[in-house]
Structure formats: C-alpha cells, structure tokens
Amino acid sequence: CKPKTFYYGLVMMSRSLLICLVPVVIRDEPGLQVFFMIAIVGIYSQVQQKVRPWRADLCNDIDPSINLCLVLLLLAGAMASEVSIGSPVVRAFGAAAFVVFALI
C-alpha cells in the first residue's frame, strides 16, 4: 500500500469479515445472501477506485476487475440455485433497489 493509505488494510479486513458473516447471519435466504455479497463487493470496489491504495497503477486497475469477476461468479451461482422469486424478502429488496436506483 501507499504510505498515505496506511488504513486500507482495515478496509480489506472489514470486507473479509462482512463477506464471512453474510451466510452466518442470513441462513435461509440464498437470494438475500447473493444481494448482500454483491453489495459488499461493489462498495469495496468503489472505495478501492476512489482511494487507489496500491503503488502500481496496474494493481489499482486489476483489483476492480477481479471484483467484477467475483460478482459475475456470484450471479452465475444465483442463477444456478433454486431461489424462489416469490419470497417476500426478495421482493421487498427488489422493490427497495428499484426505488434507490430510480432516485439516483
């Protein structure tokens, strides 16, 4: 890491902790698990692009590409699983996501 971004290790550890906690906290809703995993990886990727903590520019460019591959893998896994779209939790988060994106 660059010396001015000494705190970035804490950001990476927080991301890892949150990713590990998603299946522990949300046990019975695989669709919700995928949603939160993608949200965590997406927020981390945005922070990484803003801070650009690595010394080499190539590493700063490759890191979000790896995160994008992780999101695509999560989406492929979600499509392969048997997630019920009729679940009230999934419908509520879908409606909330639509409202948020509509306001942005």
N, C-alpha and C. Protein backbone atom coordinates (compact mmCIF):
# COMPACT_ATOMS: atom_id res chain seq x y z
N CYS A 1 0.83 -1.20 0.00
CA CYS A 1 0.00 0.00 0.00
C CYS A 1 0.86 1.25 0.00
N LYS A 2 0.28 2.31 -0.47
CA LYS A 2 0.96 3.60 -0.40
C LYS A 2 0.99 4.06 1.06
N PRO A 3 2.03 4.81 1.45
CA PRO A 3 2.09 5.28 2.84
C PRO A 3 0.89 6.13 3.25
N LYS A 4 0.34 6.91 2.32
CA LYS A 4 -0.79 7.77 2.71
C LYS A 4 -2.10 6.98 2.85
N THR A 5 -2.12 5.72 2.41
CA THR A 5 -3.31 4.89 2.58
C THR A 5 -3.01 3.73 3.52
N PHE A 6 -2.36 4.04 4.61
CA PHE A 6 -1.96 3.02 5.60
C PHE A 6 -3.18 2.30 6.19
N TYR A 7 -4.32 2.94 6.21
CA TYR A 7 -5.53 2.41 6.82
C TYR A 7 -6.23 1.38 5.93
N TYR A 8 -5.78 1.19 4.71
CA TYR A 8 -6.51 0.36 3.77
C TYR A 8 -6.55 -1.11 4.17
N GLY A 9 -5.59 -1.55 4.96
CA GLY A 9 -5.63 -2.92 5.48
C GLY A 9 -6.87 -3.16 6.32
N LEU A 10 -7.28 -2.15 7.07
CA LEU A 10 -8.51 -2.25 7.86
C LEU A 10 -9.74 -2.38 6.96
N VAL A 11 -9.74 -1.68 5.85
CA VAL A 11 -10.84 -1.77 4.89
C VAL A 11 -10.92 -3.19 4.33
N MET A 12 -9.77 -3.76 3.98
CA MET A 12 -9.75 -5.12 3.42
C MET A 12 -10.20 -6.15 4.46
N MET A 13 -9.76 -5.99 5.70
CA MET A 13 -10.18 -6.93 6.74
C MET A 13 -11.67 -6.80 7.03
N SER A 14 -12.19 -5.57 7.00
CA SER A 14 -13.63 -5.37 7.21
C SER A 14 -14.44 -6.03 6.11
N ARG A 15 -13.97 -5.92 4.89
CA ARG A 15 -14.66 -6.56 3.76
C ARG A 15 -14.68 -8.08 3.95
N SER A 16 -13.54 -8.63 4.32
CA SER A 16 -13.47 -10.08 4.52
C SER A 16 -14.39 -10.53 5.65
N LEU A 17 -14.43 -9.77 6.72
CA LEU A 17 -15.31 -10.12 7.84
C LEU A 17 -16.77 -10.07 7.42
N LEU A 18 -17.15 -9.02 6.69
CA LEU A 18 -18.54 -8.90 6.26
C LEU A 18 -18.94 -10.02 5.31
N ILE A 19 -18.03 -10.40 4.41
CA ILE A 19 -18.33 -11.49 3.48
C ILE A 19 -18.50 -12.80 4.24
N CYS A 20 -17.69 -13.02 5.27
CA CYS A 20 -17.82 -14.24 6.07
C CYS A 20 -19.10 -14.25 6.91
N LEU A 21 -19.56 -13.08 7.32
CA LEU A 21 -20.74 -13.02 8.18
C LEU A 21 -22.06 -13.16 7.43
N VAL A 22 -22.06 -12.91 6.13
CA VAL A 22 -23.32 -12.96 5.38
C VAL A 22 -23.99 -14.33 5.48
N PRO A 23 -23.30 -15.45 5.22
CA PRO A 23 -24.00 -16.73 5.34
C PRO A 23 -24.34 -17.12 6.78
N VAL A 24 -23.63 -16.54 7.74
CA VAL A 24 -23.91 -16.84 9.14
C VAL A 24 -25.17 -16.11 9.60
N VAL A 25 -25.30 -14.85 9.21
CA VAL A 25 -26.43 -14.03 9.65
C VAL A 25 -27.69 -14.35 8.84
N ILE A 26 -27.56 -14.53 7.54
CA ILE A 26 -28.70 -14.80 6.67
C ILE A 26 -28.61 -16.25 6.23
N ARG A 27 -29.33 -17.12 6.90
CA ARG A 27 -29.18 -18.56 6.67
C ARG A 27 -30.14 -19.12 5.63
N ASP A 28 -31.38 -18.69 5.64
CA ASP A 28 -32.41 -19.36 4.85
C ASP A 28 -32.80 -18.64 3.57
N GLU A 29 -32.12 -17.56 3.24
CA GLU A 29 -32.48 -16.79 2.05
C GLU A 29 -31.27 -16.65 1.12
N PRO A 30 -31.07 -17.60 0.19
CA PRO A 30 -29.90 -17.51 -0.69
C PRO A 30 -29.93 -16.28 -1.59
N GLY A 31 -31.11 -15.85 -2.00
CA GLY A 31 -31.19 -14.64 -2.82
C GLY A 31 -30.72 -13.41 -2.07
N LEU A 32 -31.07 -13.33 -0.82
CA LEU A 32 -30.64 -12.22 0.02
C LEU A 32 -29.14 -12.29 0.30
N GLN A 33 -28.62 -13.50 0.44
CA GLN A 33 -27.18 -13.66 0.62
C GLN A 33 -26.42 -13.14 -0.59
N VAL A 34 -26.88 -13.49 -1.78
CA VAL A 34 -26.23 -13.01 -3.01
C VAL A 34 -26.32 -11.50 -3.09
N PHE A 35 -27.47 -10.93 -2.75
CA PHE A 35 -27.64 -9.48 -2.79
C PHE A 35 -26.61 -8.79 -1.88
N PHE A 36 -26.50 -9.26 -0.65
CA PHE A 36 -25.56 -8.62 0.27
C PHE A 36 -24.11 -8.84 -0.12
N MET A 37 -23.80 -10.01 -0.65
CA MET A 37 -22.43 -10.26 -1.12
C MET A 37 -22.06 -9.31 -2.26
N ILE A 38 -22.97 -9.15 -3.20
CA ILE A 38 -22.71 -8.24 -4.32
C ILE A 38 -22.61 -6.80 -3.82
N ALA A 39 -23.45 -6.43 -2.86
CA ALA A 39 -23.38 -5.07 -2.30
C ALA A 39 -22.05 -4.84 -1.61
N ILE A 40 -21.57 -5.79 -0.84
CA ILE A 40 -20.29 -5.64 -0.14
C ILE A 40 -19.14 -5.53 -1.13
N VAL A 41 -19.12 -6.42 -2.12
CA VAL A 41 -18.04 -6.38 -3.11
C VAL A 41 -18.11 -5.10 -3.93
N GLY A 42 -19.31 -4.65 -4.27
CA GLY A 42 -19.47 -3.42 -5.05
C GLY A 42 -19.03 -2.19 -4.28
N ILE A 43 -19.40 -2.11 -3.02
CA ILE A 43 -18.98 -0.96 -2.21
C ILE A 43 -17.46 -0.96 -2.03
N TYR A 44 -16.89 -2.15 -1.78
CA TYR A 44 -15.44 -2.25 -1.64
C TYR A 44 -14.75 -1.81 -2.93
N SER A 45 -15.29 -2.23 -4.07
CA SER A 45 -14.69 -1.86 -5.34
C SER A 45 -14.74 -0.35 -5.57
N GLN A 46 -15.85 0.28 -5.18
CA GLN A 46 -15.96 1.73 -5.32
C GLN A 46 -14.96 2.45 -4.41
N VAL A 47 -14.81 1.96 -3.19
CA VAL A 47 -13.84 2.56 -2.26
C VAL A 47 -12.43 2.39 -2.82
N GLN A 48 -12.15 1.21 -3.35
CA GLN A 48 -10.82 0.95 -3.90
C GLN A 48 -10.53 1.88 -5.07
N GLN A 49 -11.50 2.13 -5.93
CA GLN A 49 -11.29 3.02 -7.06
C GLN A 49 -11.10 4.47 -6.62
N LYS A 50 -11.76 4.85 -5.55
CA LYS A 50 -11.62 6.22 -5.04
C LYS A 50 -10.27 6.43 -4.37
N VAL A 51 -9.85 5.45 -3.55
CA VAL A 51 -8.63 5.58 -2.78
C VAL A 51 -7.39 5.25 -3.61
N ARG A 52 -7.50 4.24 -4.49
CA ARG A 52 -6.38 3.74 -5.29
C ARG A 52 -5.15 3.50 -4.40
N PRO A 53 -5.25 2.48 -3.52
CA PRO A 53 -4.24 2.31 -2.49
C PRO A 53 -2.93 1.67 -2.94
N TRP A 54 -2.93 0.98 -4.07
CA TRP A 54 -1.73 0.25 -4.46
C TRP A 54 -0.73 1.17 -5.13
N ARG A 55 0.53 0.86 -4.96
CA ARG A 55 1.59 1.71 -5.52
C ARG A 55 1.61 1.65 -7.04
N ALA A 56 1.41 0.48 -7.60
CA ALA A 56 1.42 0.32 -9.06
C ALA A 56 0.02 0.57 -9.61
N ASP A 57 -0.04 1.36 -10.66
CA ASP A 57 -1.33 1.65 -11.28
C ASP A 57 -1.99 0.40 -11.85
N LEU A 58 -1.17 -0.53 -12.33
CA LEU A 58 -1.72 -1.78 -12.86
C LEU A 58 -2.50 -2.54 -11.79
N CYS A 59 -1.98 -2.56 -10.57
CA CYS A 59 -2.69 -3.24 -9.47
C CYS A 59 -4.00 -2.53 -9.15
N ASN A 60 -4.00 -1.20 -9.22
CA ASN A 60 -5.23 -0.44 -8.99
C ASN A 60 -6.27 -0.69 -10.06
N ASP A 61 -5.82 -1.08 -11.26
CA ASP A 61 -6.75 -1.38 -12.33
C ASP A 61 -7.21 -2.83 -12.32
N ILE A 62 -6.35 -3.73 -11.87
CA ILE A 62 -6.69 -5.15 -11.86
C ILE A 62 -7.62 -5.51 -10.71
N ASP A 63 -7.46 -4.86 -9.56
CA ASP A 63 -8.27 -5.18 -8.39
C ASP A 63 -9.78 -5.08 -8.66
N PRO A 64 -10.28 -3.99 -9.25
CA PRO A 64 -11.73 -3.96 -9.54
C PRO A 64 -12.14 -4.98 -10.61
N SER A 65 -11.22 -5.35 -11.50
CA SER A 65 -11.54 -6.38 -12.49
C SER A 65 -11.75 -7.73 -11.81
N ILE A 66 -10.94 -8.02 -10.81
CA ILE A 66 -11.11 -9.26 -10.05
C ILE A 66 -12.43 -9.22 -9.28
N ASN A 67 -12.77 -8.06 -8.72
CA ASN A 67 -14.05 -7.92 -8.03
C ASN A 67 -15.22 -8.11 -8.98
N LEU A 68 -15.11 -7.62 -10.20
CA LEU A 68 -16.15 -7.82 -11.20
C LEU A 68 -16.32 -9.30 -11.51
N CYS A 69 -15.20 -10.02 -11.61
CA CYS A 69 -15.27 -11.47 -11.85
C CYS A 69 -15.97 -12.17 -10.68
N LEU A 70 -15.71 -11.70 -9.46
CA LEU A 70 -16.37 -12.28 -8.29
C LEU A 70 -17.88 -12.03 -8.34
N VAL A 71 -18.28 -10.84 -8.74
CA VAL A 71 -19.71 -10.53 -8.85
C VAL A 71 -20.36 -11.40 -9.94
N LEU A 72 -19.67 -11.58 -11.07
CA LEU A 72 -20.22 -12.44 -12.12
C LEU A 72 -20.34 -13.88 -11.65
N LEU A 73 -19.37 -14.34 -10.85
CA LEU A 73 -19.45 -15.69 -10.30
C LEU A 73 -20.62 -15.82 -9.33
N LEU A 74 -20.84 -14.80 -8.52
CA LEU A 74 -22.00 -14.80 -7.61
C LEU A 74 -23.31 -14.84 -8.38
N LEU A 75 -23.39 -14.05 -9.44
CA LEU A 75 -24.61 -14.04 -10.25
C LEU A 75 -24.84 -15.38 -10.94
N ALA A 76 -23.77 -16.00 -11.43
CA ALA A 76 -23.91 -17.31 -12.06
C ALA A 76 -24.36 -18.35 -11.04
N GLY A 77 -23.83 -18.27 -9.84
CA GLY A 77 -24.27 -19.18 -8.79
C GLY A 77 -25.71 -18.95 -8.40
N ALA A 78 -26.14 -17.69 -8.40
CA ALA A 78 -27.53 -17.38 -8.07
C ALA A 78 -28.47 -17.92 -9.14
N MET A 79 -28.05 -17.86 -10.39
CA MET A 79 -28.90 -18.39 -11.46
C MET A 79 -28.97 -19.90 -11.42
N ALA A 80 -27.92 -20.55 -10.93
CA ALA A 80 -27.90 -22.00 -10.87
C ALA A 80 -28.66 -22.55 -9.67
N SER A 81 -28.88 -21.73 -8.66
CA SER A 81 -29.58 -22.21 -7.47
C SER A 81 -31.09 -22.06 -7.65
N GLU A 82 -31.81 -22.71 -6.77
CA GLU A 82 -33.27 -22.66 -6.83
C GLU A 82 -33.78 -21.59 -5.86
N VAL A 83 -33.73 -20.35 -6.29
CA VAL A 83 -34.19 -19.24 -5.48
C VAL A 83 -35.62 -18.92 -5.87
N SER A 84 -36.49 -18.84 -4.90
CA SER A 84 -37.89 -18.53 -5.16
C SER A 84 -38.06 -17.02 -5.28
N ILE A 85 -38.48 -16.58 -6.43
CA ILE A 85 -38.69 -15.15 -6.65
C ILE A 85 -39.89 -14.68 -5.84
N GLY A 86 -40.77 -15.56 -5.51
CA GLY A 86 -41.96 -15.20 -4.77
C GLY A 86 -41.70 -14.94 -3.29
N SER A 87 -40.48 -15.13 -2.85
CA SER A 87 -40.15 -14.90 -1.45
C SER A 87 -40.39 -13.44 -1.10
N PRO A 88 -41.07 -13.15 0.02
CA PRO A 88 -41.36 -11.76 0.37
C PRO A 88 -40.11 -10.94 0.62
N VAL A 89 -39.06 -11.56 1.15
CA VAL A 89 -37.83 -10.81 1.41
C VAL A 89 -37.17 -10.40 0.10
N VAL A 90 -37.12 -11.31 -0.85
CA VAL A 90 -36.51 -11.00 -2.14
C VAL A 90 -37.32 -9.93 -2.87
N ARG A 91 -38.64 -10.03 -2.81
CA ARG A 91 -39.47 -9.00 -3.45
C ARG A 91 -39.30 -7.64 -2.79
N ALA A 92 -39.18 -7.60 -1.47
CA ALA A 92 -39.01 -6.33 -0.77
C ALA A 92 -37.68 -5.69 -1.12
N PHE A 93 -36.61 -6.48 -1.16
CA PHE A 93 -35.31 -5.91 -1.53
C PHE A 93 -35.26 -5.51 -2.99
N GLY A 94 -35.95 -6.24 -3.85
CA GLY A 94 -36.02 -5.84 -5.25
C GLY A 94 -36.73 -4.51 -5.42
N ALA A 95 -37.83 -4.34 -4.69
CA ALA A 95 -38.56 -3.07 -4.75
C ALA A 95 -37.72 -1.93 -4.18
N ALA A 96 -37.01 -2.19 -3.08
CA ALA A 96 -36.16 -1.16 -2.48
C ALA A 96 -35.02 -0.78 -3.41
N ALA A 97 -34.42 -1.78 -4.06
CA ALA A 97 -33.34 -1.50 -5.01
C ALA A 97 -33.85 -0.68 -6.19
N PHE A 98 -35.05 -1.00 -6.67
CA PHE A 98 -35.63 -0.23 -7.78
C PHE A 98 -35.84 1.23 -7.38
N VAL A 99 -36.36 1.45 -6.18
CA VAL A 99 -36.60 2.81 -5.72
C VAL A 99 -35.29 3.58 -5.59
N VAL A 100 -34.28 2.93 -5.01
CA VAL A 100 -32.97 3.59 -4.85
C VAL A 100 -32.38 3.96 -6.20
N PHE A 101 -32.39 3.02 -7.15
CA PHE A 101 -31.82 3.31 -8.46
C PHE A 101 -32.66 4.34 -9.22
N ALA A 102 -33.95 4.37 -9.00
CA ALA A 102 -34.81 5.34 -9.65
C ALA A 102 -34.52 6.75 -9.13
N LEU A 103 -34.20 6.86 -7.83
CA LEU A 103 -33.88 8.17 -7.26
C LEU A 103 -32.51 8.67 -7.66
N ILE A 104 -31.61 7.74 -7.94
CA ILE A 104 -30.25 8.15 -8.36
C ILE A 104 -30.31 8.58 -9.78
